[in-house]
Amino acid sequence: MLSFQEVLNATQAKLATMPPGNLPKWLLFISVVSVFNSIQTYVSGLELTRRVYENKPSQTTSLSARTFGTWTFVSCVIRFYGAFYLNEPHIYQLTFISYLIAIGHFGSELLIFRTCKLGKGFMGPLVVASTSLIWMYTQKEFYTGLPW
């Protein structure tokens, strides 16, 4: 079994391989937070998920919350890879697309399906997705060497 110090050393070594700048750190942070968000959809029920879709909370079921949690976890894995391999153009694009999907989903739930409203539960995903998209759009050439 690994000791705590061995795990700490391995973690520090891996973090040292991240590309420069704050964008990779941001992606890693969002990925870690998303793991906990995904777990809560399975463990603590509907309360937090219903905050996101607070305009029509009755449409949020246990099944839809778990599906949302699974989708969040898949996105988290993509963003985790993005944090460490942002210099790889395909990984950069995939990470960027994951945020496009998120903004598309949340935007459609706000504007078309009207399940969301501009409240506390919705603002977090909206700010994270829009900030990440803008940041990634402006930094692509720095990380990949390729323009859009």
Protein backbone atom coordinates (compact mmCIF):
# COMPACT_ATOMS: atom_id res chain seq x y z
CA MET A 1 0.00 0.00 0.00
CA LEU A 2 1.21 3.49 -0.82
CA SER A 3 2.05 5.81 2.00
CA PHE A 4 0.57 9.28 2.22
CA GLN A 5 3.99 10.75 1.39
CA GLU A 6 4.28 8.60 -1.76
CA VAL A 7 0.85 9.74 -2.92
CA LEU A 8 1.76 13.34 -2.17
CA ASN A 9 5.05 13.04 -4.09
CA ALA A 10 3.34 11.43 -7.09
CA THR A 11 0.66 14.15 -7.08
CA GLN A 12 3.25 16.93 -6.95
CA ALA A 13 5.22 15.31 -9.78
CA LYS A 14 2.10 15.10 -11.97
CA LEU A 15 1.06 18.69 -11.21
CA ALA A 16 4.54 19.83 -12.27
CA THR A 17 3.82 18.50 -15.79
CA MET A 18 0.86 20.82 -16.34
CA PRO A 19 1.16 23.42 -19.10
CA PRO A 20 2.02 26.94 -17.91
CA GLY A 21 -0.54 29.56 -16.98
CA ASN A 22 -3.75 29.65 -15.01
CA LEU A 23 -6.10 28.08 -17.57
CA PRO A 24 -4.87 24.51 -16.87
CA LYS A 25 -5.21 25.15 -13.13
CA TRP A 26 -8.74 26.44 -13.67
CA LEU A 27 -9.67 23.34 -15.69
CA LEU A 28 -8.25 21.10 -12.97
CA PHE A 29 -10.13 22.99 -10.26
CA ILE A 30 -13.43 22.79 -12.16
CA SER A 31 -12.82 19.09 -12.80
CA VAL A 32 -12.27 18.34 -9.11
CA VAL A 33 -15.33 20.35 -8.07
CA SER A 34 -17.37 18.51 -10.71
CA VAL A 35 -16.47 15.13 -9.20
CA PHE A 36 -18.13 16.17 -5.96
CA ASN A 37 -21.09 17.63 -7.83
CA SER A 38 -21.51 14.32 -9.68
CA ILE A 39 -21.34 12.28 -6.48
CA GLN A 40 -23.96 14.43 -4.77
CA THR A 41 -26.49 13.62 -7.50
CA TYR A 42 -26.25 9.96 -6.47
CA VAL A 43 -25.95 10.46 -2.71
CA SER A 44 -27.95 13.45 -1.53
CA GLY A 45 -30.91 13.34 -3.84
CA LEU A 46 -32.62 16.12 -5.73
CA GLU A 47 -32.10 19.23 -3.64
CA LEU A 48 -29.03 20.69 -5.37
CA THR A 49 -30.05 19.63 -8.88
CA ARG A 50 -33.47 21.20 -8.38
CA ARG A 51 -31.74 24.49 -7.56
CA VAL A 52 -30.33 24.55 -11.09
CA TYR A 53 -33.73 23.82 -12.63
CA GLU A 54 -35.65 25.85 -10.06
CA ASN A 55 -38.22 27.28 -12.46
CA LYS A 56 -39.77 23.79 -12.84
CA PRO A 57 -38.35 21.68 -9.99
CA SER A 58 -41.05 19.03 -10.32
CA GLN A 59 -39.55 18.06 -13.69
CA THR A 60 -36.31 17.08 -11.95
CA THR A 61 -36.56 13.41 -11.01
CA SER A 62 -34.10 11.08 -9.32
CA LEU A 63 -33.35 9.56 -12.72
CA SER A 64 -32.73 12.93 -14.39
CA ALA A 65 -30.51 14.00 -11.47
CA ARG A 66 -28.38 10.86 -11.77
CA THR A 67 -28.21 11.27 -15.56
CA PHE A 68 -27.10 14.87 -15.02
CA GLY A 69 -24.50 13.61 -12.53
CA THR A 70 -23.17 11.09 -15.04
CA TRP A 71 -23.00 13.74 -17.76
CA THR A 72 -21.18 16.04 -15.34
CA PHE A 73 -18.68 13.29 -14.54
CA VAL A 74 -17.96 12.63 -18.23
CA SER A 75 -17.38 16.37 -18.69
CA CYS A 76 -15.13 16.36 -15.64
CA VAL A 77 -12.93 13.62 -17.13
CA ILE A 78 -12.59 15.57 -20.39
CA ARG A 79 -11.65 18.74 -18.50
CA PHE A 80 -9.18 16.83 -16.33
CA TYR A 81 -7.38 15.65 -19.47
CA GLY A 82 -7.57 19.18 -20.79
CA ALA A 83 -5.79 20.48 -17.70
CA PHE A 84 -2.78 18.24 -18.32
CA TYR A 85 -2.73 18.03 -22.13
CA LEU A 86 -3.88 21.49 -23.18
CA ASN A 87 -1.01 21.73 -25.68
CA GLU A 88 -2.55 18.87 -27.69
CA PRO A 89 -4.91 20.49 -30.25
CA HIS A 90 -7.45 17.65 -30.21
CA ILE A 91 -7.68 17.65 -26.41
CA TYR A 92 -7.98 21.44 -26.43
CA GLN A 93 -10.84 21.26 -28.93
CA LEU A 94 -12.59 18.46 -27.03
CA THR A 95 -12.36 20.41 -23.77
CA PHE A 96 -13.69 23.52 -25.52
CA ILE A 97 -16.56 21.51 -27.03
CA SER A 98 -17.48 20.17 -23.59
CA TYR A 99 -18.13 23.75 -22.52
CA LEU A 100 -20.07 24.48 -25.73
CA ILE A 101 -22.33 21.53 -24.90
CA ALA A 102 -22.77 22.83 -21.36
CA ILE A 103 -23.63 26.37 -22.45
CA GLY A 104 -25.97 24.95 -25.08
CA HIS A 105 -27.75 22.80 -22.53
CA PHE A 106 -28.09 25.48 -19.88
CA GLY A 107 -28.99 28.15 -22.44
CA SER A 108 -31.75 26.00 -23.91
CA GLU A 109 -33.08 25.16 -20.44
CA LEU A 110 -33.20 28.89 -19.66
CA LEU A 111 -34.48 30.27 -22.97
CA ILE A 112 -36.42 27.44 -24.64
CA PHE A 113 -37.61 24.94 -22.05
CA ARG A 114 -37.84 27.51 -19.23
CA THR A 115 -36.79 25.05 -16.50
CA CYS A 116 -34.08 27.42 -15.23
CA LYS A 117 -34.12 30.99 -14.04
CA LEU A 118 -31.31 33.38 -13.23
CA GLY A 119 -30.95 32.27 -9.62
CA LYS A 120 -28.18 30.95 -7.37
CA GLY A 121 -28.35 27.39 -8.66
CA PHE A 122 -28.16 28.37 -12.31
CA MET A 123 -25.53 31.10 -12.09
CA GLY A 124 -22.70 28.74 -11.14
CA PRO A 125 -22.88 26.57 -14.27
CA LEU A 126 -23.53 29.64 -16.44
CA VAL A 127 -20.52 31.56 -15.11
CA VAL A 128 -18.19 28.54 -15.28
CA ALA A 129 -19.20 27.60 -18.83
CA SER A 130 -19.14 31.13 -20.25
CA THR A 131 -15.90 32.12 -18.49
CA SER A 132 -14.20 28.91 -19.60
CA LEU A 133 -15.35 29.33 -23.21
CA ILE A 134 -14.13 32.91 -23.44
CA TRP A 135 -10.83 32.08 -21.74
CA MET A 136 -10.22 29.04 -23.91
CA TYR A 137 -11.21 30.88 -27.08
CA THR A 138 -8.67 33.64 -26.40
CA GLN A 139 -5.86 31.25 -25.39
CA LYS A 140 -5.99 28.53 -28.07
CA GLU A 141 -3.02 29.76 -30.06
CA PHE A 142 -0.91 30.18 -26.89
CA TYR A 143 -1.47 26.56 -25.84
CA THR A 144 -1.67 24.77 -29.19
CA GLY A 145 0.30 27.04 -31.49
CA LEU A 146 -2.68 27.00 -33.86
CA PRO A 147 -5.19 29.79 -34.48
CA TRP A 148 -8.91 29.13 -34.70
